[in-house]
Amino acid sequence: MSDWTSLWYVWLILLNVFLLLFCGITAFCIKFCCQKKRFPVETFSRHPSDLSVIAFDSDSTAHSTVT
C-alpha cells in the first residue's frame, strides 16, 4: 500500500469536494434564513387581462417592402 501523504492529488480532490459541499451548505443556509426574514408578499388578484393581437397579411405594405 502506498503512502497517503505522497498522493497529493487525492488530497486535492478531497479538498475540492469538501469546499463544494461547504459552499452548498452555506448557500442553502443563507437562502433559508433570508426566506424566513422576508415579509409575506401580497399576491395579485386574478383579473382577466386584455390581449392585443396584431396580424399581418401577406398583401400588407410592411411585408411587400421587406421582400
N, C-alpha and C. Protein backbone atom coordinates (compact mmCIF):
# COMPACT_ATOMS: atom_id res chain seq x y z
N MET A 1 0.85 -1.18 0.00
CA MET A 1 0.00 0.00 0.00
C MET A 1 0.89 1.24 0.00
N SER A 2 0.53 2.21 -0.81
CA SER A 2 1.36 3.39 -0.93
C SER A 2 1.09 4.37 0.20
N ASP A 3 2.00 5.28 0.41
CA ASP A 3 1.89 6.27 1.47
C ASP A 3 0.89 7.34 1.05
N TRP A 4 -0.10 7.67 1.91
CA TRP A 4 -1.15 8.62 1.58
C TRP A 4 -0.64 10.04 1.45
N THR A 5 0.46 10.37 2.11
CA THR A 5 0.96 11.74 2.01
C THR A 5 1.60 12.01 0.66
N SER A 6 2.05 10.97 -0.01
CA SER A 6 2.66 11.19 -1.34
C SER A 6 1.60 11.32 -2.42
N LEU A 7 0.37 10.98 -2.13
CA LEU A 7 -0.70 11.09 -3.12
C LEU A 7 -1.37 12.46 -2.98
N TRP A 8 -0.67 13.50 -3.44
CA TRP A 8 -1.15 14.87 -3.27
C TRP A 8 -2.43 15.13 -4.05
N TYR A 9 -2.61 14.47 -5.18
CA TYR A 9 -3.79 14.70 -6.00
C TYR A 9 -5.05 14.18 -5.31
N VAL A 10 -4.93 13.14 -4.50
CA VAL A 10 -6.09 12.64 -3.76
C VAL A 10 -6.54 13.69 -2.74
N TRP A 11 -5.57 14.27 -2.04
CA TRP A 11 -5.89 15.32 -1.07
C TRP A 11 -6.48 16.54 -1.77
N LEU A 12 -6.00 16.85 -2.95
CA LEU A 12 -6.53 17.99 -3.70
C LEU A 12 -7.98 17.74 -4.11
N ILE A 13 -8.28 16.54 -4.56
CA ILE A 13 -9.65 16.20 -4.94
C ILE A 13 -10.56 16.23 -3.71
N LEU A 14 -10.10 15.66 -2.61
CA LEU A 14 -10.90 15.67 -1.38
C LEU A 14 -11.14 17.09 -0.88
N LEU A 15 -10.14 17.94 -0.98
CA LEU A 15 -10.29 19.33 -0.57
C LEU A 15 -11.34 20.04 -1.43
N ASN A 16 -11.31 19.79 -2.74
CA ASN A 16 -12.29 20.40 -3.64
C ASN A 16 -13.70 19.92 -3.33
N VAL A 17 -13.85 18.63 -3.04
CA VAL A 17 -15.16 18.08 -2.72
C VAL A 17 -15.69 18.71 -1.44
N PHE A 18 -14.86 18.81 -0.42
CA PHE A 18 -15.30 19.39 0.84
C PHE A 18 -15.60 20.89 0.70
N LEU A 19 -14.84 21.60 -0.12
CA LEU A 19 -15.12 23.02 -0.34
C LEU A 19 -16.45 23.21 -1.06
N LEU A 20 -16.73 22.38 -2.07
CA LEU A 20 -18.00 22.48 -2.77
C LEU A 20 -19.17 22.14 -1.84
N LEU A 21 -18.98 21.14 -1.01
CA LEU A 21 -20.01 20.77 -0.06
C LEU A 21 -20.25 21.88 0.96
N PHE A 22 -19.19 22.48 1.44
CA PHE A 22 -19.30 23.58 2.39
C PHE A 22 -19.99 24.78 1.76
N CYS A 23 -19.64 25.11 0.53
CA CYS A 23 -20.28 26.24 -0.16
C CYS A 23 -21.76 25.96 -0.41
N GLY A 24 -22.11 24.75 -0.75
CA GLY A 24 -23.51 24.39 -0.96
C GLY A 24 -24.32 24.50 0.31
N ILE A 25 -23.77 24.00 1.41
CA ILE A 25 -24.47 24.07 2.69
C ILE A 25 -24.61 25.53 3.14
N THR A 26 -23.56 26.32 2.95
CA THR A 26 -23.62 27.73 3.32
C THR A 26 -24.66 28.47 2.49
N ALA A 27 -24.70 28.23 1.20
CA ALA A 27 -25.69 28.89 0.33
C ALA A 27 -27.10 28.49 0.72
N PHE A 28 -27.29 27.22 1.05
CA PHE A 28 -28.62 26.77 1.46
C PHE A 28 -29.04 27.45 2.76
N CYS A 29 -28.14 27.56 3.70
CA CYS A 29 -28.47 28.20 4.98
C CYS A 29 -28.79 29.68 4.80
N ILE A 30 -28.01 30.37 3.97
CA ILE A 30 -28.27 31.79 3.72
C ILE A 30 -29.62 31.97 3.04
N LYS A 31 -29.92 31.12 2.06
CA LYS A 31 -31.20 31.22 1.35
C LYS A 31 -32.36 30.92 2.31
N PHE A 32 -32.19 29.92 3.16
CA PHE A 32 -33.24 29.56 4.11
C PHE A 32 -33.48 30.68 5.11
N CYS A 33 -32.41 31.29 5.62
CA CYS A 33 -32.55 32.37 6.59
C CYS A 33 -33.17 33.62 5.96
N CYS A 34 -32.80 33.93 4.74
CA CYS A 34 -33.35 35.12 4.06
C CYS A 34 -34.82 34.93 3.75
N GLN A 35 -35.24 33.72 3.44
CA GLN A 35 -36.66 33.49 3.16
C GLN A 35 -37.48 33.60 4.43
N LYS A 36 -36.94 33.24 5.56
CA LYS A 36 -37.70 33.34 6.81
C LYS A 36 -37.88 34.79 7.23
N LYS A 37 -36.89 35.65 6.99
CA LYS A 37 -36.96 37.04 7.42
C LYS A 37 -37.77 37.91 6.47
N ARG A 38 -38.00 37.44 5.25
CA ARG A 38 -38.72 38.23 4.26
C ARG A 38 -40.19 38.33 4.64
N PHE A 39 -40.77 39.51 4.45
CA PHE A 39 -42.17 39.72 4.74
C PHE A 39 -43.02 39.03 3.68
N PRO A 40 -44.20 38.59 4.06
CA PRO A 40 -45.04 37.92 3.06
C PRO A 40 -45.41 38.88 1.93
N VAL A 41 -45.29 38.41 0.73
CA VAL A 41 -45.57 39.23 -0.45
C VAL A 41 -47.06 39.15 -0.74
N GLU A 42 -47.64 40.29 -1.03
CA GLU A 42 -49.05 40.34 -1.34
C GLU A 42 -49.27 39.77 -2.73
N THR A 43 -50.12 38.77 -2.82
CA THR A 43 -50.37 38.16 -4.12
C THR A 43 -51.37 39.01 -4.88
N PHE A 44 -51.22 39.02 -6.18
CA PHE A 44 -52.10 39.79 -7.03
C PHE A 44 -53.38 39.00 -7.26
N SER A 45 -54.50 39.71 -7.22
CA SER A 45 -55.77 39.05 -7.52
C SER A 45 -55.83 38.80 -9.02
N ARG A 46 -56.51 37.74 -9.36
CA ARG A 46 -56.57 37.36 -10.77
C ARG A 46 -57.65 38.16 -11.48
N HIS A 47 -57.22 39.04 -12.36
CA HIS A 47 -58.14 39.81 -13.19
C HIS A 47 -57.95 39.35 -14.62
N PRO A 48 -59.04 39.32 -15.36
CA PRO A 48 -58.87 38.98 -16.78
C PRO A 48 -58.05 40.07 -17.47
N SER A 49 -57.07 39.68 -18.20
CA SER A 49 -56.20 40.66 -18.85
C SER A 49 -56.59 40.82 -20.31
N ASP A 50 -56.40 42.03 -20.80
CA ASP A 50 -56.67 42.32 -22.20
C ASP A 50 -55.46 41.91 -23.03
N LEU A 51 -55.71 41.35 -24.17
CA LEU A 51 -54.64 40.88 -25.02
C LEU A 51 -54.81 41.50 -26.40
N SER A 52 -53.78 42.18 -26.87
CA SER A 52 -53.83 42.80 -28.19
C SER A 52 -53.05 41.95 -29.17
N VAL A 53 -53.65 41.70 -30.30
CA VAL A 53 -53.01 40.90 -31.33
C VAL A 53 -52.93 41.74 -32.60
N ILE A 54 -51.75 41.77 -33.19
CA ILE A 54 -51.55 42.50 -34.45
C ILE A 54 -51.26 41.46 -35.52
N ALA A 55 -52.08 41.43 -36.53
CA ALA A 55 -51.92 40.44 -37.60
C ALA A 55 -51.42 41.14 -38.86
N PHE A 56 -50.53 40.49 -39.58
CA PHE A 56 -50.03 41.00 -40.85
C PHE A 56 -50.45 40.05 -41.96
N ASP A 57 -51.05 40.61 -42.98
CA ASP A 57 -51.38 39.81 -44.16
C ASP A 57 -50.18 39.78 -45.09
N SER A 58 -50.19 38.82 -45.98
CA SER A 58 -49.10 38.75 -46.95
C SER A 58 -49.20 39.89 -47.97
N ASP A 59 -50.37 40.53 -48.08
CA ASP A 59 -50.57 41.64 -49.02
C ASP A 59 -50.28 42.99 -48.38
N SER A 60 -49.86 43.02 -47.12
CA SER A 60 -49.68 44.30 -46.44
C SER A 60 -48.43 45.01 -46.97
N THR A 61 -48.39 46.31 -46.76
CA THR A 61 -47.26 47.10 -47.26
C THR A 61 -45.99 46.78 -46.50
N ALA A 62 -46.11 46.41 -45.23
CA ALA A 62 -44.91 46.09 -44.45
C ALA A 62 -44.25 44.84 -45.01
N HIS A 63 -45.05 43.88 -45.43
CA HIS A 63 -44.49 42.64 -45.96
C HIS A 63 -43.89 42.86 -47.35
N SER A 64 -44.54 43.69 -48.16
CA SER A 64 -44.05 43.90 -49.51
C SER A 64 -42.77 44.71 -49.53
N THR A 65 -42.56 45.58 -48.55
CA THR A 65 -41.32 46.35 -48.55
C THR A 65 -40.15 45.50 -48.08
N VAL A 66 -40.40 44.50 -47.27
CA VAL A 66 -39.32 43.64 -46.77
C VAL A 66 -38.88 42.67 -47.86
N THR A 67 -39.84 42.13 -48.60
CA THR A 67 -39.49 41.11 -49.61
C THR A 67 -39.06 41.69 -50.91
